[in-house]
Amino acid sequence: MAKDNNKRPKRRDTVLAHAGRDPGANHGIVNPPVYHASTVVFPTVAKLEASQAAPFDHIHYGRYGTPTTMALEQAVAALEGGDKAISLPSGLSAIACTLQSFLKAGDHALIVDSTYFPTRRFCNGLLAGFGVEVTYYDPLIGAKIAGLIRPNTRLVFLESPGSLTFEVQDVPAIAKAARARGAVVVMDNTWSAGYYFQPFSHGVDVSIQAATKFIAGHSDAMLGVVTVRKELYEQVKTTTANLGVCAGVDECYLGLRGLRSLAARMPRHQETGLKLARWLKARPEVACVLHPALPECPGHELWKRDFTGASGLFSVVLKEFPKKAVAAMLDGLELFALGFSWGGFESLIVPIYPTKVRSVTRWPHPGPAVRIHAGLEDADDLIEDLAAGLKRLTAA
């Protein structure tokens, strides 16, 4: 629940419909207008200089934000239970700007081993080049992460569940250990869309979403959002301003549009994803299904404790079929497109290779694996498409 101007608390779905908009300030128009602006003008020197004195709290230049971007930021902060948010042009830019906000030469960071591969690439490349040391850790480490925290550990990064292998982390235990030693706790919360997991009530300091995914929801916008506790806002906003990174106003408008229907879309993604996962689990071609809502998924009990639902993204480990057989399965699918993104209305599938993107924990499965994003199509049609694909798999 979120509070709205000291009025009675509002439930999450109501917040999604109302946060970040003010029809009374916009001639009664329901949606905030799209402000295309670089220059902002002022009537007096005094007002111009006042805006420069507190640039993050005033609209004084387009790069710092417009009423459109601020409307999205207010709405996402309300959704995630944070104090303030910052909109950026992609999920990766949100990750990169956040890491650069808290890490400098000589610092140490702990990054979960199941993290999104571009996060790892950024850490091993640019961060390492800046003199930041990174240690990857087992996603199921829990409170034992305390043994990895050094005097110069400034940041602990989580992604729960992991977006390829879906281990669910013990966020409260990790956050408690990290904050006790003065490290900032950052979490990639894209899988839940902020709808099924409230990071700030579990000890997280900074929550990141690739809003390209579920928030935008229509596969037509690149967008990232960083939500923070208020005491960290200026530190992150200063970094984004110094780097000249900002989200486009059209993308922010699309993000707001998508956010309004999130409460309707997420349960459908969940329902379809679970139906597909349970059907696949019973298939003879399948070794296991990695879906946090299923008992065999690592961290399932933590998911039951901390999450209120599941999105439609999960992975399937097949039995030991050759690569050409997997290609035959995937190439002939009619409703599942081959694509690396997720969170849109359309179903997607890709082969995944977890052994290539891990350095600490061993991927235990010998068979090939695929990742599925369950879209908004009819679940039975999707099952028929997968059934035909599995038939091609065994035939090949």
Protein backbone atom coordinates (compact mmCIF):
# COMPACT_ATOMS: atom_id res chain seq x y z
CA MET A 1 0.00 0.00 0.00
CA ALA A 2 1.12 3.55 -0.65
CA LYS A 3 0.11 6.85 0.91
CA ASP A 4 -1.13 9.72 -1.21
CA ASN A 5 -0.75 13.24 0.23
CA ASN A 6 -1.65 12.11 3.76
CA LYS A 7 -4.99 10.70 2.61
CA ARG A 8 -5.97 7.16 3.49
CA PRO A 9 -3.58 4.46 2.17
CA LYS A 10 -4.17 3.17 -1.35
CA ARG A 11 -3.71 -0.40 -2.50
CA ARG A 12 -1.18 -1.21 -5.21
CA ASP A 13 -3.59 -1.49 -8.16
CA THR A 14 -5.13 1.87 -7.29
CA VAL A 15 -1.67 3.43 -7.05
CA LEU A 16 -0.91 2.18 -10.57
CA ALA A 17 -4.02 3.88 -11.93
CA HIS A 18 -3.49 7.22 -10.20
CA ALA A 19 0.18 7.82 -9.32
CA GLY A 20 2.08 10.39 -11.33
CA ARG A 21 -0.86 12.24 -12.82
CA ASP A 22 -2.71 15.44 -12.00
CA PRO A 23 -5.62 16.18 -14.38
CA GLY A 24 -6.40 19.39 -12.52
CA ALA A 25 -3.03 20.82 -13.53
CA ASN A 26 -3.52 19.83 -17.18
CA HIS A 27 -6.92 21.23 -18.16
CA GLY A 28 -8.64 18.06 -16.93
CA ILE A 29 -6.67 15.82 -19.31
CA VAL A 30 -6.28 12.34 -17.83
CA ASN A 31 -2.73 11.61 -19.03
CA PRO A 32 0.23 13.97 -18.43
CA PRO A 33 1.22 15.74 -21.66
CA VAL A 34 4.45 14.93 -23.47
CA TYR A 35 6.78 17.89 -22.94
CA HIS A 36 9.39 17.98 -25.70
CA ALA A 37 11.86 20.40 -24.17
CA SER A 38 15.53 21.20 -24.00
CA THR A 39 15.34 24.84 -22.96
CA VAL A 40 13.41 26.16 -19.99
CA VAL A 41 13.11 29.95 -19.65
CA PHE A 42 12.63 32.10 -16.54
CA PRO A 43 11.08 35.54 -16.06
CA THR A 44 13.80 36.89 -13.75
CA VAL A 45 17.45 36.37 -12.87
CA ALA A 46 16.41 35.49 -9.31
CA LYS A 47 14.21 32.61 -10.46
CA LEU A 48 16.82 31.36 -12.93
CA GLU A 49 19.50 31.29 -10.24
CA ALA A 50 17.12 29.65 -7.74
CA SER A 51 16.57 26.81 -10.20
CA GLN A 52 20.32 26.31 -10.59
CA ALA A 53 20.80 26.19 -6.81
CA ALA A 54 18.60 23.09 -6.53
CA PRO A 55 18.67 21.58 -10.03
CA PHE A 56 17.25 18.18 -9.08
CA ASP A 57 14.15 19.61 -7.48
CA HIS A 58 13.29 22.07 -10.23
CA ILE A 59 12.75 21.90 -13.96
CA HIS A 60 15.47 24.13 -15.35
CA TYR A 61 16.87 22.16 -18.31
CA GLY A 62 15.42 19.33 -20.36
CA ARG A 63 18.19 16.87 -19.55
CA TYR A 64 17.29 17.01 -15.85
CA GLY A 65 13.67 16.13 -16.55
CA THR A 66 10.31 17.45 -17.64
CA PRO A 67 6.82 17.05 -16.21
CA THR A 68 6.50 13.92 -18.38
CA THR A 69 9.59 12.20 -17.00
CA MET A 70 8.75 13.26 -13.46
CA ALA A 71 5.26 11.78 -13.75
CA LEU A 72 6.76 8.38 -14.66
CA GLU A 73 9.30 8.65 -11.85
CA GLN A 74 6.63 9.44 -9.27
CA ALA A 75 4.51 6.52 -10.43
CA VAL A 76 7.34 3.95 -10.40
CA ALA A 77 8.56 5.12 -6.98
CA ALA A 78 5.02 4.62 -5.66
CA LEU A 79 4.81 1.16 -7.25
CA GLU A 80 8.11 -0.03 -5.74
CA GLY A 81 7.60 1.58 -2.35
CA GLY A 82 10.63 3.85 -2.70
CA ASP A 83 10.98 7.58 -2.13
CA LYS A 84 12.18 8.89 -5.51
CA ALA A 85 13.01 7.54 -8.94
CA ILE A 86 15.16 8.49 -11.93
CA SER A 87 14.27 7.59 -15.52
CA LEU A 88 17.03 6.54 -17.92
CA PRO A 89 17.20 5.39 -21.56
CA SER A 90 17.56 1.63 -20.87
CA GLY A 91 17.83 -0.95 -18.14
CA LEU A 92 21.56 -1.26 -18.71
CA SER A 93 22.05 2.50 -18.41
CA ALA A 94 20.17 2.33 -15.10
CA ILE A 95 22.53 -0.41 -13.90
CA ALA A 96 25.67 1.35 -15.15
CA CYS A 97 24.75 4.72 -13.66
CA THR A 98 23.86 3.16 -10.32
CA LEU A 99 27.14 1.25 -10.05
CA GLN A 100 29.12 4.36 -11.00
CA SER A 101 27.24 6.37 -8.38
CA PHE A 102 28.56 4.28 -5.49
CA LEU A 103 31.88 2.84 -6.67
CA LYS A 104 35.28 4.45 -7.28
CA ALA A 105 38.88 3.27 -7.72
CA GLY A 106 39.93 1.04 -4.85
CA ASP A 107 36.40 -0.02 -3.94
CA HIS A 108 35.06 -3.57 -3.91
CA ALA A 109 31.63 -4.77 -5.03
CA LEU A 110 29.81 -8.08 -4.60
CA ILE A 111 27.76 -9.07 -7.66
CA VAL A 112 25.47 -12.09 -7.82
CA ASP A 113 26.80 -14.83 -10.12
CA SER A 114 23.42 -15.23 -11.84
CA THR A 115 23.28 -11.60 -12.91
CA TYR A 116 22.13 -10.34 -16.31
CA PHE A 117 25.09 -10.80 -18.66
CA PRO A 118 25.44 -7.10 -19.66
CA THR A 119 25.81 -6.29 -15.95
CA ARG A 120 28.71 -8.75 -15.75
CA ARG A 121 30.23 -7.32 -18.93
CA PHE A 122 30.05 -3.80 -17.50
CA CYS A 123 31.67 -4.93 -14.24
CA ASN A 124 34.45 -6.87 -15.95
CA GLY A 125 35.10 -4.10 -18.45
CA LEU A 126 34.46 -0.49 -17.48
CA LEU A 127 34.34 -0.98 -13.72
CA ALA A 128 37.55 -3.02 -13.71
CA GLY A 129 39.16 -0.36 -15.89
CA PHE A 130 38.22 2.27 -13.31
CA GLY A 131 40.00 0.28 -10.59
CA VAL A 132 36.94 -1.29 -8.97
CA GLU A 133 37.34 -4.92 -7.86
CA VAL A 134 34.34 -7.24 -8.28
CA THR A 135 33.68 -10.56 -6.57
CA TYR A 136 30.85 -12.74 -7.84
CA TYR A 137 28.90 -14.74 -5.27
CA ASP A 138 26.52 -17.70 -5.16
CA PRO A 139 22.93 -16.45 -5.49
CA LEU A 140 21.87 -18.86 -2.73
CA ILE A 141 24.50 -17.65 -0.26
CA GLY A 142 22.03 -15.86 2.03
CA ALA A 143 23.43 -14.49 5.29
CA LYS A 144 26.78 -16.17 4.65
CA ILE A 145 27.55 -13.26 2.33
CA ALA A 146 28.89 -11.57 5.45
CA GLY A 147 32.04 -13.66 5.00
CA LEU A 148 32.72 -12.02 1.63
CA ILE A 149 32.29 -8.41 2.77
CA ARG A 150 35.59 -6.54 3.04
CA PRO A 151 36.39 -3.19 4.65
CA ASN A 152 36.27 -1.61 1.17
CA THR A 153 33.06 -3.34 0.02
CA ARG A 154 30.80 -0.47 -0.93
CA LEU A 155 27.99 -2.23 -2.81
CA VAL A 156 26.17 -5.56 -2.91
CA PHE A 157 24.19 -6.27 -6.09
CA LEU A 158 21.28 -8.72 -6.26
CA GLU A 159 19.07 -9.98 -9.04
CA SER A 160 16.23 -12.10 -7.74
CA PRO A 161 15.32 -14.30 -9.39
CA GLY A 162 18.15 -14.49 -11.91
CA SER A 163 16.83 -13.80 -15.40
CA LEU A 164 18.35 -16.96 -16.93
CA THR A 165 18.53 -19.54 -14.16
CA PHE A 166 15.92 -18.16 -11.73
CA GLU A 167 17.56 -18.72 -8.36
CA VAL A 168 15.60 -16.75 -5.74
CA GLN A 169 17.84 -14.92 -3.30
CA ASP A 170 17.35 -14.37 0.43
CA VAL A 171 17.09 -10.62 -0.02
CA PRO A 172 16.42 -9.67 3.64
CA ALA A 173 19.35 -11.74 4.93
CA ILE A 174 21.78 -10.39 2.32
CA ALA A 175 20.55 -6.82 2.85
CA LYS A 176 20.94 -7.08 6.63
CA ALA A 177 24.51 -8.35 6.35
CA ALA A 178 25.47 -5.72 3.78
CA ARG A 179 23.94 -2.73 5.54
CA ALA A 180 25.51 -3.78 8.84
CA ARG A 181 28.88 -3.23 7.16
CA GLY A 182 27.92 0.02 5.44
CA ALA A 183 27.45 -1.36 1.91
CA VAL A 184 24.66 -0.11 -0.34
CA VAL A 185 22.18 -2.82 -1.36
CA VAL A 186 21.17 -2.66 -5.02
CA MET A 187 18.69 -5.03 -6.66
CA ASP A 188 17.62 -5.67 -10.24
CA ASN A 189 13.87 -6.08 -9.70
CA THR A 190 12.80 -6.37 -13.35
CA TRP A 191 11.40 -9.92 -13.12
CA SER A 192 8.72 -8.91 -10.63
CA ALA A 193 8.09 -5.53 -12.32
CA GLY A 194 7.88 -4.12 -8.79
CA TYR A 195 4.37 -5.58 -8.80
CA TYR A 196 5.15 -8.92 -7.14
CA PHE A 197 8.08 -7.87 -4.94
CA GLN A 198 8.50 -4.78 -2.76
CA PRO A 199 12.27 -4.26 -2.48
CA PHE A 200 12.38 -1.47 0.08
CA SER A 201 10.37 -3.39 2.65
CA HIS A 202 12.98 -6.18 2.34
CA GLY A 203 16.02 -4.00 3.06
CA VAL A 204 17.03 -2.87 -0.46
CA ASP A 205 18.42 0.67 -0.87
CA VAL A 206 18.24 0.99 -4.67
CA SER A 207 15.91 -0.91 -7.01
CA ILE A 208 16.54 -1.04 -10.75
CA GLN A 209 14.14 -2.01 -13.48
CA ALA A 210 14.56 -2.40 -17.19
CA ALA A 211 11.25 -0.66 -17.79
CA THR A 212 11.65 -1.74 -21.41
CA LYS A 213 10.20 -5.04 -20.14
CA PHE A 214 6.98 -5.31 -18.12
CA ILE A 215 6.47 -1.62 -17.32
CA ALA A 216 6.39 -0.47 -20.94
CA GLY A 217 4.85 -3.82 -21.82
CA HIS A 218 4.37 -3.34 -25.55
CA SER A 219 7.85 -3.98 -26.99
CA ASP A 220 8.05 -0.43 -28.32
CA ALA A 221 10.15 1.55 -25.82
CA MET A 222 13.66 1.43 -24.36
CA LEU A 223 13.58 2.63 -20.77
CA GLY A 224 15.21 2.14 -17.38
CA VAL A 225 14.22 3.35 -13.92
CA VAL A 226 16.26 3.59 -10.71
CA THR A 227 14.20 3.91 -7.51
CA VAL A 228 16.00 4.96 -4.33
CA ARG A 229 15.69 5.84 -0.70
CA LYS A 230 15.54 9.64 -0.48
CA GLU A 231 18.97 10.00 1.12
CA LEU A 232 20.59 8.39 -1.96
CA TYR A 233 18.65 10.27 -4.62
CA GLU A 234 21.01 13.19 -5.15
CA GLN A 235 24.05 10.89 -5.35
CA VAL A 236 22.54 8.87 -8.22
CA LYS A 237 20.96 11.88 -9.92
CA THR A 238 24.29 13.73 -9.86
CA THR A 239 25.95 10.81 -11.66
CA THR A 240 23.28 10.63 -14.36
CA ALA A 241 23.46 14.40 -14.84
CA ASN A 242 27.26 14.39 -15.06
CA LEU A 243 27.12 11.60 -17.63
CA GLY A 244 24.42 13.43 -19.59
CA VAL A 245 22.14 10.39 -19.45
CA CYS A 246 18.38 10.90 -19.54
CA ALA A 247 15.30 9.13 -20.83
CA GLY A 248 13.41 10.47 -23.82
CA VAL A 249 10.04 11.98 -23.04
CA ASP A 250 8.22 9.86 -25.62
CA GLU A 251 9.59 6.71 -23.99
CA CYS A 252 8.54 8.01 -20.57
CA TYR A 253 5.03 8.57 -21.90
CA LEU A 254 4.97 4.99 -23.22
CA GLY A 255 6.26 3.75 -19.87
CA LEU A 256 3.43 5.56 -18.08
CA ARG A 257 0.91 4.16 -20.55
CA GLY A 258 2.18 0.65 -19.91
CA LEU A 259 2.23 1.16 -16.16
CA ARG A 260 -1.51 1.87 -16.13
CA SER A 261 -2.30 -1.65 -17.37
CA LEU A 262 0.34 -3.47 -15.31
CA ALA A 263 -2.23 -4.68 -12.77
CA ALA A 264 -4.19 -6.35 -15.57
CA ARG A 265 -1.23 -7.77 -17.50
CA MET A 266 0.91 -9.26 -14.73
CA PRO A 267 -1.70 -11.78 -13.49
CA ARG A 268 -2.20 -12.91 -17.10
CA HIS A 269 1.55 -13.37 -17.61
CA GLN A 270 1.63 -15.31 -14.33
CA GLU A 271 -1.34 -17.53 -15.20
CA THR A 272 -0.07 -18.39 -18.67
CA GLY A 273 3.51 -18.88 -17.51
CA LEU A 274 2.46 -21.31 -14.79
CA LYS A 275 0.21 -23.25 -17.15
CA LEU A 276 3.05 -23.63 -19.65
CA ALA A 277 5.57 -24.50 -16.92
CA ARG A 278 3.38 -27.23 -15.43
CA TRP A 279 2.61 -28.68 -18.85
CA LEU A 280 6.30 -28.72 -19.78
CA LYS A 281 7.26 -30.27 -16.45
CA ALA A 282 5.18 -33.35 -17.35
CA ARG A 283 6.72 -33.78 -20.81
CA PRO A 284 9.15 -36.68 -21.36
CA GLU A 285 11.55 -34.44 -23.33
CA VAL A 286 12.03 -32.11 -20.33
CA ALA A 287 14.59 -32.65 -17.55
CA CYS A 288 13.32 -29.82 -15.31
CA VAL A 289 11.55 -26.48 -15.32
CA LEU A 290 13.12 -23.49 -13.54
CA HIS A 291 10.15 -21.41 -12.45
CA PRO A 292 10.25 -19.80 -8.98
CA ALA A 293 6.67 -20.88 -8.27
CA LEU A 294 7.56 -24.55 -8.74
CA PRO A 295 9.10 -26.47 -5.81
CA GLU A 296 12.16 -27.70 -7.75
CA CYS A 297 13.35 -24.16 -8.54
CA PRO A 298 16.29 -23.11 -6.30
CA GLY A 299 15.01 -20.69 -3.68
CA HIS A 300 11.34 -21.62 -4.12
CA GLU A 301 10.66 -21.36 -0.37
CA LEU A 302 12.12 -17.83 -0.39
CA TRP A 303 9.85 -16.95 -3.30
CA LYS A 304 6.83 -18.16 -1.31
CA ARG A 305 7.93 -16.08 1.67
CA ASP A 306 8.82 -12.81 -0.05
CA PHE A 307 6.96 -12.58 -3.37
CA THR A 308 3.24 -12.13 -3.96
CA GLY A 309 3.26 -13.68 -7.43
CA ALA A 310 5.30 -14.62 -10.47
CA SER A 311 5.86 -13.09 -13.86
CA GLY A 312 5.78 -15.11 -17.08
CA LEU A 313 9.54 -15.55 -17.51
CA PHE A 314 11.12 -18.95 -16.78
CA SER A 315 13.55 -21.52 -18.20
CA VAL A 316 13.25 -25.11 -19.31
CA VAL A 317 16.09 -27.65 -19.21
CA LEU A 318 15.71 -30.34 -21.86
CA LYS A 319 17.13 -33.82 -21.78
CA GLU A 320 20.36 -34.38 -23.69
CA PHE A 321 19.35 -33.51 -27.24
CA PRO A 322 21.87 -32.25 -29.81
CA LYS A 323 21.96 -28.58 -30.75
CA LYS A 324 20.50 -29.25 -34.22
CA ALA A 325 17.45 -30.86 -32.61
CA VAL A 326 16.89 -27.82 -30.40
CA ALA A 327 17.20 -25.60 -33.47
CA ALA A 328 14.59 -27.71 -35.26
CA MET A 329 12.27 -27.28 -32.31
CA LEU A 330 12.70 -23.51 -32.13
CA ASP A 331 12.93 -22.64 -35.81
CA GLY A 332 9.46 -23.99 -36.59
CA LEU A 333 7.54 -22.28 -33.80
CA GLU A 334 4.65 -20.12 -34.99
CA LEU A 335 3.67 -18.14 -31.89
CA PHE A 336 6.97 -18.00 -29.98
CA ALA A 337 9.36 -15.58 -31.66
CA LEU A 338 13.11 -15.92 -31.17
CA GLY A 339 14.12 -12.79 -29.26
CA PHE A 340 16.28 -11.75 -26.32
CA SER A 341 13.90 -9.35 -24.63
CA TRP A 342 10.80 -10.13 -22.54
CA GLY A 343 7.93 -8.43 -20.77
CA GLY A 344 5.94 -7.51 -23.88
CA PHE A 345 2.57 -8.79 -25.04
CA GLU A 346 4.15 -11.38 -27.35
CA SER A 347 5.61 -14.73 -26.32
CA LEU A 348 9.34 -15.25 -26.86
CA ILE A 349 11.81 -18.11 -26.62
CA VAL A 350 15.62 -18.30 -26.83
CA PRO A 351 18.25 -20.97 -26.25
CA ILE A 352 20.41 -20.15 -23.22
CA TYR A 353 23.93 -21.20 -22.24
CA PRO A 354 24.38 -20.53 -18.50
CA THR A 355 27.84 -22.09 -18.28
CA LYS A 356 29.17 -19.21 -20.40
CA VAL A 357 27.98 -16.52 -17.99
CA ARG A 358 28.90 -17.93 -14.57
CA SER A 359 32.22 -17.85 -12.75
CA VAL A 360 31.52 -19.03 -9.19
CA THR A 361 28.61 -21.46 -9.23
CA ARG A 362 28.36 -24.55 -11.40
CA TRP A 363 25.45 -25.04 -13.81
CA PRO A 364 24.44 -28.63 -12.94
CA HIS A 365 22.38 -29.58 -15.99
CA PRO A 366 23.95 -31.45 -18.94
CA GLY A 367 21.06 -30.92 -21.35
CA PRO A 368 20.32 -27.81 -23.43
CA ALA A 369 18.07 -25.10 -22.02
CA VAL A 370 15.66 -22.51 -23.35
CA ARG A 371 14.09 -19.45 -21.76
CA ILE A 372 10.42 -18.70 -22.29
CA HIS A 373 8.52 -15.45 -21.91
CA ALA A 374 4.81 -16.19 -21.71
CA GLY A 375 2.94 -13.40 -23.45
CA LEU A 376 -0.73 -12.55 -23.59
CA GLU A 377 -1.80 -15.09 -26.21
CA ASP A 378 -4.19 -17.93 -25.41
CA ALA A 379 -2.28 -20.45 -23.28
CA ASP A 380 -3.71 -23.47 -25.10
CA ASP A 381 -2.52 -22.11 -28.45
CA LEU A 382 0.94 -21.65 -26.96
CA ILE A 383 0.91 -25.21 -25.65
CA GLU A 384 -0.03 -26.56 -29.08
CA ASP A 385 2.87 -24.62 -30.59
CA LEU A 386 5.29 -26.04 -28.00
CA ALA A 387 3.92 -29.56 -28.50
CA ALA A 388 4.64 -29.34 -32.22
CA GLY A 389 8.12 -28.02 -31.39
CA LEU A 390 8.87 -30.91 -29.04
CA LYS A 391 7.75 -33.31 -31.74
CA ARG A 392 10.31 -31.75 -34.09
CA LEU A 393 12.91 -31.97 -31.29
CA THR A 394 12.57 -35.73 -30.94
CA ALA A 395 12.29 -36.29 -34.69
CA ALA A 396 15.54 -34.42 -35.35
